[in-house]
Amino acid sequence: MSAPSAPPGELTVVKCGGTAGVDADAVCADVAELVRAGQRVLLVHGGSADIATLGDRLGVPQRRMVTDDGMDTRYTDPATLEVVVLALAGAVKPRLVAALARAGVDAVGLTGLDAGLLRARRTAAHRAVVDGRRMVLRDNHGGRLIGVRVDLLRTLLAAGAVPVVSPPALGEDGGPVNVDADRAAAALAAALDARTLVLLTGAPGVLADPGDERSVLGRYAVPATGLPPGVGRGMAMKLVAAREAALGGVGRVLIADGRREGPVRAALAGAATEITTRSADA
């Protein structure tokens, strides 16, 4: 594997996707290599596969909703919120922290609740399509990020540790709010002045043909507003997050394959789709 292109000391934010195909152990081993090379790394994670598995075990159905702006996201009712917190903080995060420890890296697991790292506003009531039915939701505990607190993260990074961060965020009412992990990674990368954000997923990058993994694009220009056309809903959310990171000042935003060996260094070396933004009149 060629050396990563970010200079020593630069911050790289890595988002480890939560789909079953992403190799979390390979991600952690690669993060450890970057740390040993003198780079600072923040690891952000989701956990959709673990959330679904735990939901099945506890008899809590996992439901999706499509909001009026076209976003496909998790319908987080009170029972689902419990599952999300248990899965992310109780299963995925300890697994990642342990994998980093085995690789010789000091890691600290945190949710957005800890020290108010991620702050969000819960959407009290809004219209959405759930299971094909349009309805007004009043029990959804999902929301939008409204702020990031970085002083604790800067302290950990300066000490050579790898912070491992996930939702939920801290709501204005002091309760947990589920937020999208890709968008959380983008917000953290922007707030920490990261050089690079790497969004690892179960695909080699953005595909010209969503059904053909050989059609991966070297670059993709995200439209200035709205959902990107011609991609699946899961990739559309990643592209929205990538746009937010780019507009927030992150130098390089990459979407890359989390299923391969050395996924982070491969992405930094060019095996990824680099995301740019285009103006509204382009």
C-alpha atoms as a PDB file:
ATOM      1  CA  MET A   1       0.000   0.000   0.000  1.00  0.00           C
ATOM      2  CA  SER A   2       1.391   3.397  -0.961  1.00  0.00           C
ATOM      3  CA  ALA A   3       1.865   6.013   1.728  1.00  0.00           C
ATOM      4  CA  PRO A   4      -1.134   8.205   2.512  1.00  0.00           C
ATOM      5  CA  SER A   5      -1.055  11.589   0.819  1.00  0.00           C
ATOM      6  CA  ALA A   6      -2.001  13.707   3.861  1.00  0.00           C
ATOM      7  CA  PRO A   7       1.104  15.250   5.507  1.00  0.00           C
ATOM      8  CA  PRO A   8       1.979  14.135   9.060  1.00  0.00           C
ATOM      9  CA  GLY A   9      -0.035  15.957  11.685  1.00  0.00           C
ATOM     10  CA  GLU A  10      -2.975  16.680   9.389  1.00  0.00           C
ATOM     11  CA  LEU A  11      -6.386  15.553  10.591  1.00  0.00           C
ATOM     12  CA  THR A  12      -8.285  12.909   8.681  1.00  0.00           C
ATOM     13  CA  VAL A  13     -11.886  12.161   9.641  1.00  0.00           C
ATOM     14  CA  VAL A  14     -12.994   8.644   8.716  1.00  0.00           C
ATOM     15  CA  LYS A  15     -16.641   7.584   8.701  1.00  0.00           C
ATOM     16  CA  CYS A  16     -16.946   3.799   9.043  1.00  0.00           C
ATOM     17  CA  GLY A  17     -20.220   2.763   7.454  1.00  0.00           C
ATOM     18  CA  GLY A  18     -22.578   0.561   9.382  1.00  0.00           C
ATOM     19  CA  THR A  19     -23.542  -1.866   6.621  1.00  0.00           C
ATOM     20  CA  ALA A  20     -22.659  -5.515   7.058  1.00  0.00           C
ATOM     21  CA  GLY A  21     -20.128  -5.509   4.187  1.00  0.00           C
ATOM     22  CA  VAL A  22     -17.813  -2.862   5.656  1.00  0.00           C
ATOM     23  CA  ASP A  23     -14.738  -4.482   7.253  1.00  0.00           C
ATOM     24  CA  ALA A  24     -14.463  -2.609  10.565  1.00  0.00           C
ATOM     25  CA  ASP A  25     -11.322  -4.510  11.611  1.00  0.00           C
ATOM     26  CA  ALA A  26      -9.571  -3.497   8.387  1.00  0.00           C
ATOM     27  CA  VAL A  27     -10.674   0.102   8.935  1.00  0.00           C
ATOM     28  CA  CYS A  28      -9.240   0.103  12.465  1.00  0.00           C
ATOM     29  CA  ALA A  29      -5.975  -1.512  11.360  1.00  0.00           C
ATOM     30  CA  ASP A  30      -5.626   1.170   8.690  1.00  0.00           C
ATOM     31  CA  VAL A  31      -6.400   3.974  11.140  1.00  0.00           C
ATOM     32  CA  ALA A  32      -3.657   2.588  13.380  1.00  0.00           C
ATOM     33  CA  GLU A  33      -1.188   2.744  10.477  1.00  0.00           C
ATOM     34  CA  LEU A  34      -2.070   6.392   9.877  1.00  0.00           C
ATOM     35  CA  VAL A  35      -1.581   7.206  13.560  1.00  0.00           C
ATOM     36  CA  ARG A  36       1.796   5.482  13.583  1.00  0.00           C
ATOM     37  CA  ALA A  37       2.709   7.613  10.547  1.00  0.00           C
ATOM     38  CA  GLY A  38       2.081  10.716  12.637  1.00  0.00           C
ATOM     39  CA  GLN A  39      -1.383  11.630  11.442  1.00  0.00           C
ATOM     40  CA  ARG A  40      -4.309  12.538  13.632  1.00  0.00           C
ATOM     41  CA  VAL A  41      -7.505  10.578  12.982  1.00  0.00           C
ATOM     42  CA  LEU A  42     -11.077  10.933  14.187  1.00  0.00           C
ATOM     43  CA  LEU A  43     -13.261   7.877  13.581  1.00  0.00           C
ATOM     44  CA  VAL A  44     -17.027   8.349  13.245  1.00  0.00           C
ATOM     45  CA  HIS A  45     -19.345   5.369  12.944  1.00  0.00           C
ATOM     46  CA  GLY A  46     -22.881   4.318  12.293  1.00  0.00           C
ATOM     47  CA  GLY A  47     -24.292   0.854  12.752  1.00  0.00           C
ATOM     48  CA  SER A  48     -27.298   0.105  10.564  1.00  0.00           C
ATOM     49  CA  ALA A  49     -26.627  -3.643  10.476  1.00  0.00           C
ATOM     50  CA  ASP A  50     -26.248  -3.873  14.275  1.00  0.00           C
ATOM     51  CA  ILE A  51     -29.332  -1.707  14.814  1.00  0.00           C
ATOM     52  CA  ALA A  52     -31.392  -3.980  12.561  1.00  0.00           C
ATOM     53  CA  THR A  53     -30.078  -7.146  14.248  1.00  0.00           C
ATOM     54  CA  LEU A  54     -30.763  -5.857  17.759  1.00  0.00           C
ATOM     55  CA  GLY A  55     -34.167  -4.546  16.709  1.00  0.00           C
ATOM     56  CA  ASP A  56     -35.093  -8.012  15.464  1.00  0.00           C
ATOM     57  CA  ARG A  57     -33.947  -9.597  18.729  1.00  0.00           C
ATOM     58  CA  LEU A  58     -35.980  -7.138  20.795  1.00  0.00           C
ATOM     59  CA  GLY A  59     -39.025  -7.206  18.540  1.00  0.00           C
ATOM     60  CA  VAL A  60     -38.709  -3.558  17.518  1.00  0.00           C
ATOM     61  CA  PRO A  61     -39.474  -3.172  13.799  1.00  0.00           C
ATOM     62  CA  GLN A  62     -37.127  -0.935  11.808  1.00  0.00           C
ATOM     63  CA  ARG A  63     -39.021   1.562   9.697  1.00  0.00           C
ATOM     64  CA  ARG A  64     -37.869   4.105   7.138  1.00  0.00           C
ATOM     65  CA  MET A  65     -39.441   7.406   6.256  1.00  0.00           C
ATOM     66  CA  VAL A  66     -39.119   9.826   3.367  1.00  0.00           C
ATOM     67  CA  THR A  67     -39.394  13.481   4.348  1.00  0.00           C
ATOM     68  CA  ASP A  68     -40.871  16.213   2.173  1.00  0.00           C
ATOM     69  CA  ASP A  69     -37.378  17.195   0.989  1.00  0.00           C
ATOM     70  CA  GLY A  70     -36.812  13.640  -0.270  1.00  0.00           C
ATOM     71  CA  MET A  71     -34.499  12.433   2.493  1.00  0.00           C
ATOM     72  CA  ASP A  72     -34.770   8.720   3.253  1.00  0.00           C
ATOM     73  CA  THR A  73     -33.983   8.248   6.929  1.00  0.00           C
ATOM     74  CA  ARG A  74     -34.733   6.109   9.954  1.00  0.00           C
ATOM     75  CA  TYR A  75     -38.073   6.581  11.691  1.00  0.00           C
ATOM     76  CA  THR A  76     -36.853   6.894  15.276  1.00  0.00           C
ATOM     77  CA  ASP A  77     -39.811   6.342  17.586  1.00  0.00           C
ATOM     78  CA  PRO A  78     -39.038   5.957  21.334  1.00  0.00           C
ATOM     79  CA  ALA A  79     -38.469   2.180  21.113  1.00  0.00           C
ATOM     80  CA  THR A  80     -36.203   2.549  18.091  1.00  0.00           C
ATOM     81  CA  LEU A  81     -34.224   5.280  19.852  1.00  0.00           C
ATOM     82  CA  GLU A  82     -33.441   2.806  22.645  1.00  0.00           C
ATOM     83  CA  VAL A  83     -32.279   0.269  20.080  1.00  0.00           C
ATOM     84  CA  VAL A  84     -30.096   2.862  18.329  1.00  0.00           C
ATOM     85  CA  VAL A  85     -28.388   3.885  21.577  1.00  0.00           C
ATOM     86  CA  LEU A  86     -27.889   0.288  22.719  1.00  0.00           C
ATOM     87  CA  ALA A  87     -26.496  -0.839  19.374  1.00  0.00           C
ATOM     88  CA  LEU A  88     -24.148   2.087  18.770  1.00  0.00           C
ATOM     89  CA  ALA A  89     -22.892   2.736  22.304  1.00  0.00           C
ATOM     90  CA  GLY A  90     -23.149  -0.830  23.587  1.00  0.00           C
ATOM     91  CA  ALA A  91     -22.007  -2.943  20.634  1.00  0.00           C
ATOM     92  CA  VAL A  92     -20.430  -1.109  17.696  1.00  0.00           C
ATOM     93  CA  LYS A  93     -18.368   1.420  19.632  1.00  0.00           C
ATOM     94  CA  PRO A  94     -16.763  -1.059  22.096  1.00  0.00           C
ATOM     95  CA  ARG A  95     -15.930  -3.313  19.153  1.00  0.00           C
ATOM     96  CA  LEU A  96     -14.144  -0.498  17.313  1.00  0.00           C
ATOM     97  CA  VAL A  97     -12.322   0.725  20.419  1.00  0.00           C
ATOM     98  CA  ALA A  98     -11.161  -2.838  21.153  1.00  0.00           C
ATOM     99  CA  ALA A  99      -9.979  -3.313  17.554  1.00  0.00           C
ATOM    100  CA  LEU A 100      -7.961  -0.096  17.764  1.00  0.00           C
ATOM    101  CA  ALA A 101      -6.476  -1.213  21.092  1.00  0.00           C
ATOM    102  CA  ARG A 102      -5.390  -4.522  19.524  1.00  0.00           C
ATOM    103  CA  ALA A 103      -3.717  -2.479  16.790  1.00  0.00           C
ATOM    104  CA  GLY A 104      -1.767  -0.533  19.427  1.00  0.00           C
ATOM    105  CA  VAL A 105      -3.764   2.702  19.375  1.00  0.00           C
ATOM    106  CA  ASP A 106      -5.292   4.536  22.305  1.00  0.00           C
ATOM    107  CA  ALA A 107      -8.963   5.156  21.482  1.00  0.00           C
ATOM    108  CA  VAL A 108     -11.773   6.852  23.397  1.00  0.00           C
ATOM    109  CA  GLY A 109     -15.385   5.999  22.579  1.00  0.00           C
ATOM    110  CA  LEU A 110     -17.902   8.835  22.746  1.00  0.00           C
ATOM    111  CA  THR A 111     -21.439   9.517  21.622  1.00  0.00           C
ATOM    112  CA  GLY A 112     -22.677  12.946  20.694  1.00  0.00           C
ATOM    113  CA  LEU A 113     -24.205  13.117  24.166  1.00  0.00           C
ATOM    114  CA  ASP A 114     -20.801  13.154  25.883  1.00  0.00           C
ATOM    115  CA  ALA A 115     -19.876  16.747  26.772  1.00  0.00           C
ATOM    116  CA  GLY A 116     -22.455  17.828  24.190  1.00  0.00           C
ATOM    117  CA  LEU A 117     -20.142  16.912  21.299  1.00  0.00           C
ATOM    118  CA  LEU A 118     -23.073  16.908  18.884  1.00  0.00           C
ATOM    119  CA  ARG A 119     -26.093  19.127  19.460  1.00  0.00           C
ATOM    120  CA  ALA A 120     -29.337  18.716  17.582  1.00  0.00           C
ATOM    121  CA  ARG A 121     -32.871  19.988  17.312  1.00  0.00           C
ATOM    122  CA  ARG A 122     -35.536  17.294  17.353  1.00  0.00           C
ATOM    123  CA  THR A 123     -38.178  17.700  14.694  1.00  0.00           C
ATOM    124  CA  ALA A 124     -41.299  18.008  16.862  1.00  0.00           C
ATOM    125  CA  ALA A 125     -43.842  17.320  14.135  1.00  0.00           C
ATOM    126  CA  HIS A 126     -43.467  16.941  10.405  1.00  0.00           C
ATOM    127  CA  ARG A 127     -44.990  15.245   7.412  1.00  0.00           C
ATOM    128  CA  ALA A 128     -43.356  12.169   5.971  1.00  0.00           C
ATOM    129  CA  VAL A 129     -44.132   9.009   4.042  1.00  0.00           C
ATOM    130  CA  VAL A 130     -43.819   5.896   6.227  1.00  0.00           C
ATOM    131  CA  ASP A 131     -44.467   2.446   4.750  1.00  0.00           C
ATOM    132  CA  GLY A 132     -46.126   4.098   1.771  1.00  0.00           C
ATOM    133  CA  ARG A 133     -48.494   6.199   3.874  1.00  0.00           C
ATOM    134  CA  ARG A 134     -48.273   9.982   4.290  1.00  0.00           C
ATOM    135  CA  MET A 135     -48.661  10.970   7.916  1.00  0.00           C
ATOM    136  CA  VAL A 136     -47.779  13.614  10.467  1.00  0.00           C
ATOM    137  CA  LEU A 137     -45.139  12.289  12.870  1.00  0.00           C
ATOM    138  CA  ARG A 138     -45.100  13.505  16.453  1.00  0.00           C
ATOM    139  CA  ASP A 139     -43.069  10.752  18.148  1.00  0.00           C
ATOM    140  CA  ASN A 140     -39.971  10.841  15.958  1.00  0.00           C
ATOM    141  CA  HIS A 141     -36.755  11.308  17.941  1.00  0.00           C
ATOM    142  CA  GLY A 142     -34.637  12.119  14.912  1.00  0.00           C
ATOM    143  CA  GLY A 143     -33.448  15.612  14.119  1.00  0.00           C
ATOM    144  CA  ARG A 144     -30.926  17.953  12.554  1.00  0.00           C
ATOM    145  CA  LEU A 145     -27.502  18.897  13.849  1.00  0.00           C
ATOM    146  CA  ILE A 146     -27.279  22.492  15.007  1.00  0.00           C
ATOM    147  CA  GLY A 147     -23.840  22.549  16.627  1.00  0.00           C
ATOM    148  CA  VAL A 148     -20.585  20.739  17.335  1.00  0.00           C
ATOM    149  CA  ARG A 149     -18.361  21.122  20.385  1.00  0.00           C
ATOM    150  CA  VAL A 150     -14.752  20.310  19.594  1.00  0.00           C
ATOM    151  CA  ASP A 151     -12.641  21.277  22.625  1.00  0.00           C
ATOM    152  CA  LEU A 152     -12.684  17.772  24.131  1.00  0.00           C
ATOM    153  CA  LEU A 153     -11.909  16.222  20.751  1.00  0.00           C
ATOM    154  CA  ARG A 154      -8.978  18.592  20.213  1.00  0.00           C
ATOM    155  CA  THR A 155      -7.582  17.597  23.626  1.00  0.00           C
ATOM    156  CA  LEU A 156      -7.837  13.888  22.818  1.00  0.00           C
ATOM    157  CA  LEU A 157      -6.294  14.342  19.373  1.00  0.00           C
ATOM    158  CA  ALA A 158      -3.417  16.389  20.831  1.00  0.00           C
ATOM    159  CA  ALA A 159      -2.750  13.531  23.260  1.00  0.00           C
ATOM    160  CA  GLY A 160      -2.407  11.088  20.366  1.00  0.00           C
ATOM    161  CA  ALA A 161      -5.707   9.319  20.990  1.00  0.00           C
ATOM    162  CA  VAL A 162      -8.299   8.409  18.367  1.00  0.00           C
ATOM    163  CA  PRO A 163     -11.771   9.642  19.330  1.00  0.00           C
ATOM    164  CA  VAL A 164     -14.478   7.220  18.182  1.00  0.00           C
ATOM    165  CA  VAL A 165     -17.734   9.163  17.858  1.00  0.00           C
ATOM    166  CA  SER A 166     -21.298   8.227  16.967  1.00  0.00           C
ATOM    167  CA  PRO A 167     -24.887   9.443  17.331  1.00  0.00           C
ATOM    168  CA  PRO A 168     -27.070  10.170  19.186  1.00  0.00           C
ATOM    169  CA  ALA A 169     -26.721  13.910  19.629  1.00  0.00           C
ATOM    170  CA  LEU A 170     -27.786  15.991  22.609  1.00  0.00           C
ATOM    171  CA  GLY A 171     -31.160  17.627  22.066  1.00  0.00           C
ATOM    172  CA  GLU A 172     -32.163  21.085  23.196  1.00  0.00           C
ATOM    173  CA  ASP A 173     -34.365  19.445  25.835  1.00  0.00           C
ATOM    174  CA  GLY A 174     -31.395  17.443  27.187  1.00  0.00           C
ATOM    175  CA  GLY A 175     -32.561  14.181  25.649  1.00  0.00           C
ATOM    176  CA  PRO A 176     -30.936  12.048  22.927  1.00  0.00           C
ATOM    177  CA  VAL A 177     -31.702  12.789  19.284  1.00  0.00           C
ATOM    178  CA  ASN A 178     -30.824  10.411  16.473  1.00  0.00           C
ATOM    179  CA  VAL A 179     -28.891  12.104  13.671  1.00  0.00           C
ATOM    180  CA  ASP A 180     -27.385  10.839  10.446  1.00  0.00           C
ATOM    181  CA  ALA A 181     -23.835   9.580  11.059  1.00  0.00           C
ATOM    182  CA  ASP A 182     -22.517  10.710   7.652  1.00  0.00           C
ATOM    183  CA  ARG A 183     -23.730  14.255   8.291  1.00  0.00           C
ATOM    184  CA  ALA A 184     -22.285  14.107  11.804  1.00  0.00           C
ATOM    185  CA  ALA A 185     -18.914  13.131  10.311  1.00  0.00           C
ATOM    186  CA  ALA A 186     -19.165  16.041   7.874  1.00  0.00           C
ATOM    187  CA  ALA A 187     -19.996  18.509  10.655  1.00  0.00           C
ATOM    188  CA  LEU A 188     -17.127  17.255  12.815  1.00  0.00           C
ATOM    189  CA  ALA A 189     -14.666  17.404   9.925  1.00  0.00           C
ATOM    190  CA  ALA A 190     -15.655  21.002   9.161  1.00  0.00           C
ATOM    191  CA  ALA A 191     -15.590  22.101  12.810  1.00  0.00           C
ATOM    192  CA  LEU A 192     -12.143  20.543  13.351  1.00  0.00           C
ATOM    193  CA  ASP A 193     -10.678  22.008  10.133  1.00  0.00           C
ATOM    194  CA  ALA A 194      -9.912  18.521   8.837  1.00  0.00           C
ATOM    195  CA  ARG A 195      -7.852  18.212   5.686  1.00  0.00           C
ATOM    196  CA  THR A 196      -9.739  15.109   4.521  1.00  0.00           C
ATOM    197  CA  LEU A 197     -13.045  13.371   5.142  1.00  0.00           C
ATOM    198  CA  VAL A 198     -13.277   9.730   4.034  1.00  0.00           C
ATOM    199  CA  LEU A 199     -16.769   8.241   3.913  1.00  0.00           C
ATOM    200  CA  LEU A 200     -16.385   4.457   3.749  1.00  0.00           C
ATOM    201  CA  THR A 201     -19.331   2.470   2.450  1.00  0.00           C
ATOM    202  CA  GLY A 202     -20.324  -0.815   0.831  1.00  0.00           C
ATOM    203  CA  ALA A 203     -19.482   0.364  -2.696  1.00  0.00           C
ATOM    204  CA  PRO A 204     -16.255   1.408  -4.432  1.00  0.00           C
ATOM    205  CA  GLY A 205     -17.461   4.998  -4.660  1.00  0.00           C
ATOM    206  CA  VAL A 206     -20.151   6.859  -6.578  1.00  0.00           C
ATOM    207  CA  LEU A 207     -21.263   4.752  -9.525  1.00  0.00           C
ATOM    208  CA  ALA A 208     -22.325   6.036 -12.939  1.00  0.00           C
ATOM    209  CA  ASP A 209     -24.548   2.939 -13.091  1.00  0.00           C
ATOM    210  CA  PRO A 210     -25.778   1.974  -9.597  1.00  0.00           C
ATOM    211  CA  GLY A 211     -26.000  -1.634 -10.740  1.00  0.00           C
ATOM    212  CA  ASP A 212     -22.409  -1.875 -11.990  1.00  0.00           C
ATOM    213  CA  GLU A 213     -19.527  -1.528  -9.525  1.00  0.00           C
ATOM    214  CA  ARG A 214     -17.096  -1.204 -12.432  1.00  0.00           C
ATOM    215  CA  SER A 215     -18.628   2.197 -13.259  1.00  0.00           C
ATOM    216  CA  VAL A 216     -17.088   4.012 -10.289  1.00  0.00           C
ATOM    217  CA  LEU A 217     -16.449   7.698 -10.929  1.00  0.00           C
ATOM    218  CA  GLY A 218     -13.162   9.408 -10.118  1.00  0.00           C
ATOM    219  CA  ARG A 219     -14.971  12.684  -9.395  1.00  0.00           C
ATOM    220  CA  TYR A 220     -18.550  13.661  -8.750  1.00  0.00           C
ATOM    221  CA  ALA A 221     -19.886  17.225  -8.572  1.00  0.00           C
ATOM    222  CA  VAL A 222     -22.780  17.459  -6.138  1.00  0.00           C
ATOM    223  CA  PRO A 223     -25.488  19.983  -7.054  1.00  0.00           C
ATOM    224  CA  ALA A 224     -25.609  23.035  -4.820  1.00  0.00           C
ATOM    225  CA  THR A 225     -29.053  22.194  -3.448  1.00  0.00           C
ATOM    226  CA  GLY A 226     -31.429  19.262  -3.252  1.00  0.00           C
ATOM    227  CA  LEU A 227     -30.816  15.555  -3.589  1.00  0.00           C
ATOM    228  CA  PRO A 228     -28.242  14.404  -6.146  1.00  0.00           C
ATOM    229  CA  PRO A 229     -29.984  12.737  -9.105  1.00  0.00           C
ATOM    230  CA  GLY A 230     -29.259   9.297 -10.505  1.00  0.00           C
ATOM    231  CA  VAL A 231     -28.011   7.610  -7.324  1.00  0.00           C
ATOM    232  CA  GLY A 232     -29.667   5.380  -4.740  1.00  0.00           C
ATOM    233  CA  ARG A 233     -31.148   6.963  -1.633  1.00  0.00           C
ATOM    234  CA  GLY A 234     -28.369   5.694   0.625  1.00  0.00           C
ATOM    235  CA  MET A 235     -25.688   7.230  -1.602  1.00  0.00           C
ATOM    236  CA  ALA A 236     -27.745  10.415  -1.948  1.00  0.00           C
ATOM    237  CA  MET A 237     -27.518  11.001   1.809  1.00  0.00           C
ATOM    238  CA  LYS A 238     -23.748  10.468   1.712  1.00  0.00           C
ATOM    239  CA  LEU A 239     -23.477  12.987  -1.102  1.00  0.00           C
ATOM    240  CA  VAL A 240     -25.501  15.519   0.875  1.00  0.00           C
ATOM    241  CA  ALA A 241     -23.100  14.988   3.791  1.00  0.00           C
ATOM    242  CA  ALA A 242     -20.123  15.298   1.446  1.00  0.00           C
ATOM    243  CA  ARG A 243     -21.509  18.586   0.126  1.00  0.00           C
ATOM    244  CA  GLU A 244     -21.904  19.912   3.657  1.00  0.00           C
ATOM    245  CA  ALA A 245     -18.292  18.999   4.438  1.00  0.00           C
ATOM    246  CA  ALA A 246     -16.964  20.627   1.270  1.00  0.00           C
ATOM    247  CA  LEU A 247     -18.975  23.799   1.854  1.00  0.00           C
ATOM    248  CA  GLY A 248     -17.736  23.750   5.455  1.00  0.00           C
ATOM    249  CA  GLY A 249     -14.131  24.047   4.306  1.00  0.00           C
ATOM    250  CA  VAL A 250     -12.907  20.432   4.367  1.00  0.00           C
ATOM    251  CA  GLY A 251     -10.086  20.262   1.844  1.00  0.00           C
ATOM    252  CA  ARG A 252     -10.851  16.860   0.339  1.00  0.00           C
ATOM    253  CA  VAL A 253     -13.964  14.702   0.590  1.00  0.00           C
ATOM    254  CA  LEU A 254     -13.785  11.077  -0.569  1.00  0.00           C
ATOM    255  CA  ILE A 255     -16.367   8.306  -0.836  1.00  0.00           C
ATOM    256  CA  ALA A 256     -14.651   4.932  -0.907  1.00  0.00           C
ATOM    257  CA  ASP A 257     -14.962   1.184  -0.462  1.00  0.00           C
ATOM    258  CA  GLY A 258     -14.961   0.007   3.161  1.00  0.00           C
ATOM    259  CA  ARG A 259     -14.949  -3.669   2.194  1.00  0.00           C
ATOM    260  CA  ARG A 260     -11.370  -3.886   0.965  1.00  0.00           C
ATOM    261  CA  GLU A 261      -8.000  -4.328   2.655  1.00  0.00           C
ATOM    262  CA  GLY A 262      -6.397  -1.054   3.707  1.00  0.00           C
ATOM    263  CA  PRO A 263      -9.548   0.930   2.897  1.00  0.00           C
ATOM    264  CA  VAL A 264      -8.503   4.314   4.294  1.00  0.00           C
ATOM    265  CA  ARG A 265      -5.025   4.415   2.779  1.00  0.00           C
ATOM    266  CA  ALA A 266      -6.416   3.142  -0.525  1.00  0.00           C
ATOM    267  CA  ALA A 267      -8.923   5.999  -0.540  1.00  0.00           C
ATOM    268  CA  LEU A 268      -6.220   8.561   0.263  1.00  0.00           C
ATOM    269  CA  ALA A 269      -4.094   7.124  -2.542  1.00  0.00           C
ATOM    270  CA  GLY A 270      -6.880   7.631  -5.100  1.00  0.00           C
ATOM    271  CA  ALA A 271      -9.158   4.567  -4.924  1.00  0.00           C
ATOM    272  CA  ALA A 272     -12.219   6.691  -4.251  1.00  0.00           C
ATOM    273  CA  THR A 273     -14.659   9.174  -5.711  1.00  0.00           C
ATOM    274  CA  GLU A 274     -13.596  12.723  -4.896  1.00  0.00           C
ATOM    275  CA  ILE A 275     -16.579  14.950  -4.221  1.00  0.00           C
ATOM    276  CA  THR A 276     -16.753  18.536  -5.419  1.00  0.00           C
ATOM    277  CA  THR A 277     -19.624  21.009  -5.464  1.00  0.00           C
ATOM    278  CA  ARG A 278     -21.123  22.866  -8.369  1.00  0.00           C
ATOM    279  CA  SER A 279     -22.893  26.189  -8.316  1.00  0.00           C
ATOM    280  CA  ALA A 280     -26.642  26.488  -8.552  1.00  0.00           C
ATOM    281  CA  ASP A 281     -26.442  27.850 -12.136  1.00  0.00           C
ATOM    282  CA  ALA A 282     -24.004  25.187 -13.362  1.00  0.00           C
END
